[in-house]
Amino acid sequence: MQKKVGEKTVTVIVPDHKEIKKGTLRSIIRQSKLPREEFER
């Protein structure tokens, strides 16, 4: 996924399979700059 923020483009990788490793999920959350709680619902 990509989002244009001003002059920059922020890219977050979204894996295309059911299960992902914990570290990969943490990385996605960190890159998204969203609170962790958004992913725990």
PDB file of N, CA and C in Angstrom:
ATOM      1  N   MET A   1       0.850  -1.164   0.000  1.00  0.00           N
ATOM      2  CA  MET A   1       0.000   0.000   0.000  1.00  0.00           C
ATOM      3  C   MET A   1       0.896   1.225   0.000  1.00  0.00           C
ATOM      4  N   GLN A   2       0.435   2.256  -0.644  1.00  0.00           N
ATOM      5  CA  GLN A   2       1.174   3.502  -0.680  1.00  0.00           C
ATOM      6  C   GLN A   2       0.244   4.654  -0.363  1.00  0.00           C
ATOM      7  N   LYS A   3       0.826   5.673   0.285  1.00  0.00           N
ATOM      8  CA  LYS A   3       0.078   6.878   0.603  1.00  0.00           C
ATOM      9  C   LYS A   3       0.988   8.064   0.365  1.00  0.00           C
ATOM     10  N   LYS A   4       0.511   9.038  -0.362  1.00  0.00           N
ATOM     11  CA  LYS A   4       1.277  10.242  -0.632  1.00  0.00           C
ATOM     12  C   LYS A   4       1.067  11.202   0.534  1.00  0.00           C
ATOM     13  N   VAL A   5       2.181  11.632   1.143  1.00  0.00           N
ATOM     14  CA  VAL A   5       2.144  12.566   2.261  1.00  0.00           C
ATOM     15  C   VAL A   5       3.023  13.746   1.874  1.00  0.00           C
ATOM     16  N   GLY A   6       2.383  14.816   1.433  1.00  0.00           N
ATOM     17  CA  GLY A   6       3.153  15.956   0.951  1.00  0.00           C
ATOM     18  C   GLY A   6       3.972  15.556  -0.260  1.00  0.00           C
ATOM     19  N   GLU A   7       5.283  15.753  -0.164  1.00  0.00           N
ATOM     20  CA  GLU A   7       6.196  15.401  -1.258  1.00  0.00           C
ATOM     21  C   GLU A   7       6.658  13.950  -1.188  1.00  0.00           C
ATOM     22  N   LYS A   8       6.376  13.259  -0.069  1.00  0.00           N
ATOM     23  CA  LYS A   8       6.855  11.891   0.128  1.00  0.00           C
ATOM     24  C   LYS A   8       5.764  10.872  -0.137  1.00  0.00           C
ATOM     25  N   THR A   9       6.186   9.669  -0.488  1.00  0.00           N
ATOM     26  CA  THR A   9       5.275   8.536  -0.617  1.00  0.00           C
ATOM     27  C   THR A   9       5.666   7.508   0.430  1.00  0.00           C
ATOM     28  N   VAL A  10       4.704   7.136   1.284  1.00  0.00           N
ATOM     29  CA  VAL A  10       4.938   6.140   2.319  1.00  0.00           C
ATOM     30  C   VAL A  10       4.444   4.799   1.789  1.00  0.00           C
ATOM     31  N   THR A  11       5.305   3.774   1.822  1.00  0.00           N
ATOM     32  CA  THR A  11       4.961   2.440   1.330  1.00  0.00           C
ATOM     33  C   THR A  11       4.971   1.449   2.486  1.00  0.00           C
ATOM     34  N   VAL A  12       3.908   0.676   2.614  1.00  0.00           N
ATOM     35  CA  VAL A  12       3.813  -0.377   3.626  1.00  0.00           C
ATOM     36  C   VAL A  12       3.565  -1.683   2.880  1.00  0.00           C
ATOM     37  N   ILE A  13       4.387  -2.683   3.159  1.00  0.00           N
ATOM     38  CA  ILE A  13       4.243  -3.991   2.518  1.00  0.00           C
ATOM     39  C   ILE A  13       3.094  -4.753   3.188  1.00  0.00           C
ATOM     40  N   VAL A  14       2.211  -5.326   2.389  1.00  0.00           N
ATOM     41  CA  VAL A  14       1.112  -6.137   2.897  1.00  0.00           C
ATOM     42  C   VAL A  14       1.274  -7.544   2.321  1.00  0.00           C
ATOM     43  N   PRO A  15       1.679  -8.522   3.149  1.00  0.00           N
ATOM     44  CA  PRO A  15       1.878  -9.889   2.656  1.00  0.00           C
ATOM     45  C   PRO A  15       0.589 -10.496   2.106  1.00  0.00           C
ATOM     46  N   ASP A  16       0.727 -11.343   1.100  1.00  0.00           N
ATOM     47  CA  ASP A  16      -0.437 -11.958   0.447  1.00  0.00           C
ATOM     48  C   ASP A  16      -0.553 -13.428   0.854  1.00  0.00           C
ATOM     49  N   HIS A  17      -0.612 -13.676   2.166  1.00  0.00           N
ATOM     50  CA  HIS A  17      -0.841 -15.029   2.663  1.00  0.00           C
ATOM     51  C   HIS A  17      -1.483 -14.936   4.041  1.00  0.00           C
ATOM     52  N   LYS A  18      -2.082 -16.030   4.518  1.00  0.00           N
ATOM     53  CA  LYS A  18      -2.868 -16.014   5.750  1.00  0.00           C
ATOM     54  C   LYS A  18      -2.065 -15.649   6.987  1.00  0.00           C
ATOM     55  N   GLU A  19      -0.971 -16.344   7.228  1.00  0.00           N
ATOM     56  CA  GLU A  19      -0.207 -16.114   8.444  1.00  0.00           C
ATOM     57  C   GLU A  19       1.100 -15.396   8.146  1.00  0.00           C
ATOM     58  N   ILE A  20       1.427 -14.457   9.022  1.00  0.00           N
ATOM     59  CA  ILE A  20       2.702 -13.756   8.893  1.00  0.00           C
ATOM     60  C   ILE A  20       3.443 -13.853  10.218  1.00  0.00           C
ATOM     61  N   LYS A  21       4.742 -13.704  10.174  1.00  0.00           N
ATOM     62  CA  LYS A  21       5.549 -13.769  11.386  1.00  0.00           C
ATOM     63  C   LYS A  21       5.318 -12.528  12.242  1.00  0.00           C
ATOM     64  N   LYS A  22       5.522 -12.677  13.546  1.00  0.00           N
ATOM     65  CA  LYS A  22       5.320 -11.566  14.480  1.00  0.00           C
ATOM     66  C   LYS A  22       6.153 -10.353  14.106  1.00  0.00           C
ATOM     67  N   GLY A  23       7.405 -10.591  13.752  1.00  0.00           N
ATOM     68  CA  GLY A  23       8.293  -9.487  13.385  1.00  0.00           C
ATOM     69  C   GLY A  23       7.803  -8.733  12.166  1.00  0.00           C
ATOM     70  N   THR A  24       7.240  -9.460  11.208  1.00  0.00           N
ATOM     71  CA  THR A  24       6.694  -8.826  10.002  1.00  0.00           C
ATOM     72  C   THR A  24       5.502  -7.958  10.370  1.00  0.00           C
ATOM     73  N   LEU A  25       4.642  -8.474  11.235  1.00  0.00           N
ATOM     74  CA  LEU A  25       3.477  -7.705  11.671  1.00  0.00           C
ATOM     75  C   LEU A  25       3.908  -6.447  12.414  1.00  0.00           C
ATOM     76  N   ARG A  26       4.879  -6.582  13.306  1.00  0.00           N
ATOM     77  CA  ARG A  26       5.384  -5.410  14.034  1.00  0.00           C
ATOM     78  C   ARG A  26       5.923  -4.358  13.074  1.00  0.00           C
ATOM     79  N   SER A  27       6.632  -4.814  12.057  1.00  0.00           N
ATOM     80  CA  SER A  27       7.190  -3.901  11.069  1.00  0.00           C
ATOM     81  C   SER A  27       6.088  -3.169  10.303  1.00  0.00           C
ATOM     82  N   ILE A  28       5.056  -3.890   9.918  1.00  0.00           N
ATOM     83  CA  ILE A  28       3.931  -3.281   9.205  1.00  0.00           C
ATOM     84  C   ILE A  28       3.266  -2.231  10.087  1.00  0.00           C
ATOM     85  N   ILE A  29       3.038  -2.571  11.358  1.00  0.00           N
ATOM     86  CA  ILE A  29       2.409  -1.624  12.287  1.00  0.00           C
ATOM     87  C   ILE A  29       3.286  -0.389  12.453  1.00  0.00           C
ATOM     88  N   ARG A  30       4.582  -0.592  12.629  1.00  0.00           N
ATOM     89  CA  ARG A  30       5.508   0.534  12.815  1.00  0.00           C
ATOM     90  C   ARG A  30       5.508   1.430  11.576  1.00  0.00           C
ATOM     91  N   GLN A  31       5.561   0.826  10.392  1.00  0.00           N
ATOM     92  CA  GLN A  31       5.577   1.602   9.158  1.00  0.00           C
ATOM     93  C   GLN A  31       4.277   2.361   8.929  1.00  0.00           C
ATOM     94  N   SER A  32       3.173   1.803   9.395  1.00  0.00           N
ATOM     95  CA  SER A  32       1.878   2.447   9.184  1.00  0.00           C
ATOM     96  C   SER A  32       1.706   3.690  10.042  1.00  0.00           C
ATOM     97  N   LYS A  33       2.495   3.798  11.116  1.00  0.00           N
ATOM     98  CA  LYS A  33       2.429   4.918  12.066  1.00  0.00           C
ATOM     99  C   LYS A  33       1.054   5.037  12.713  1.00  0.00           C
ATOM    100  N   LEU A  34       0.338   3.916  12.765  1.00  0.00           N
ATOM    101  CA  LEU A  34      -0.933   3.858  13.477  1.00  0.00           C
ATOM    102  C   LEU A  34      -0.686   3.243  14.850  1.00  0.00           C
ATOM    103  N   PRO A  35      -1.535   3.559  15.831  1.00  0.00           N
ATOM    104  CA  PRO A  35      -1.364   2.943  17.149  1.00  0.00           C
ATOM    105  C   PRO A  35      -1.567   1.428  17.079  1.00  0.00           C
ATOM    106  N   ARG A  36      -0.789   0.701  17.863  1.00  0.00           N
ATOM    107  CA  ARG A  36      -0.875  -0.764  17.889  1.00  0.00           C
ATOM    108  C   ARG A  36      -2.294  -1.237  18.186  1.00  0.00           C
ATOM    109  N   GLU A  37      -2.999  -0.478  19.014  1.00  0.00           N
ATOM    110  CA  GLU A  37      -4.370  -0.858  19.415  1.00  0.00           C
ATOM    111  C   GLU A  37      -5.301  -0.972  18.199  1.00  0.00           C
ATOM    112  N   GLU A  38      -5.006  -0.232  17.129  1.00  0.00           N
ATOM    113  CA  GLU A  38      -5.837  -0.304  15.909  1.00  0.00           C
ATOM    114  C   GLU A  38      -5.806  -1.710  15.295  1.00  0.00           C
ATOM    115  N   PHE A  39      -4.758  -2.463  15.573  1.00  0.00           N
ATOM    116  CA  PHE A  39      -4.595  -3.796  14.996  1.00  0.00           C
ATOM    117  C   PHE A  39      -5.053  -4.892  15.936  1.00  0.00           C
ATOM    118  N   GLU A  40      -5.496  -4.541  17.140  1.00  0.00           N
ATOM    119  CA  GLU A  40      -5.866  -5.536  18.158  1.00  0.00           C
ATOM    120  C   GLU A  40      -7.368  -5.666  18.323  1.00  0.00           C
ATOM    121  N   ARG A  41      -8.119  -5.113  17.462  1.00  0.00           N
ATOM    122  CA  ARG A  41      -9.579  -5.179  17.595  1.00  0.00           C
ATOM    123  C   ARG A  41     -10.134  -6.493  17.182  1.00  0.00           C
TER     124      ARG A  41
END
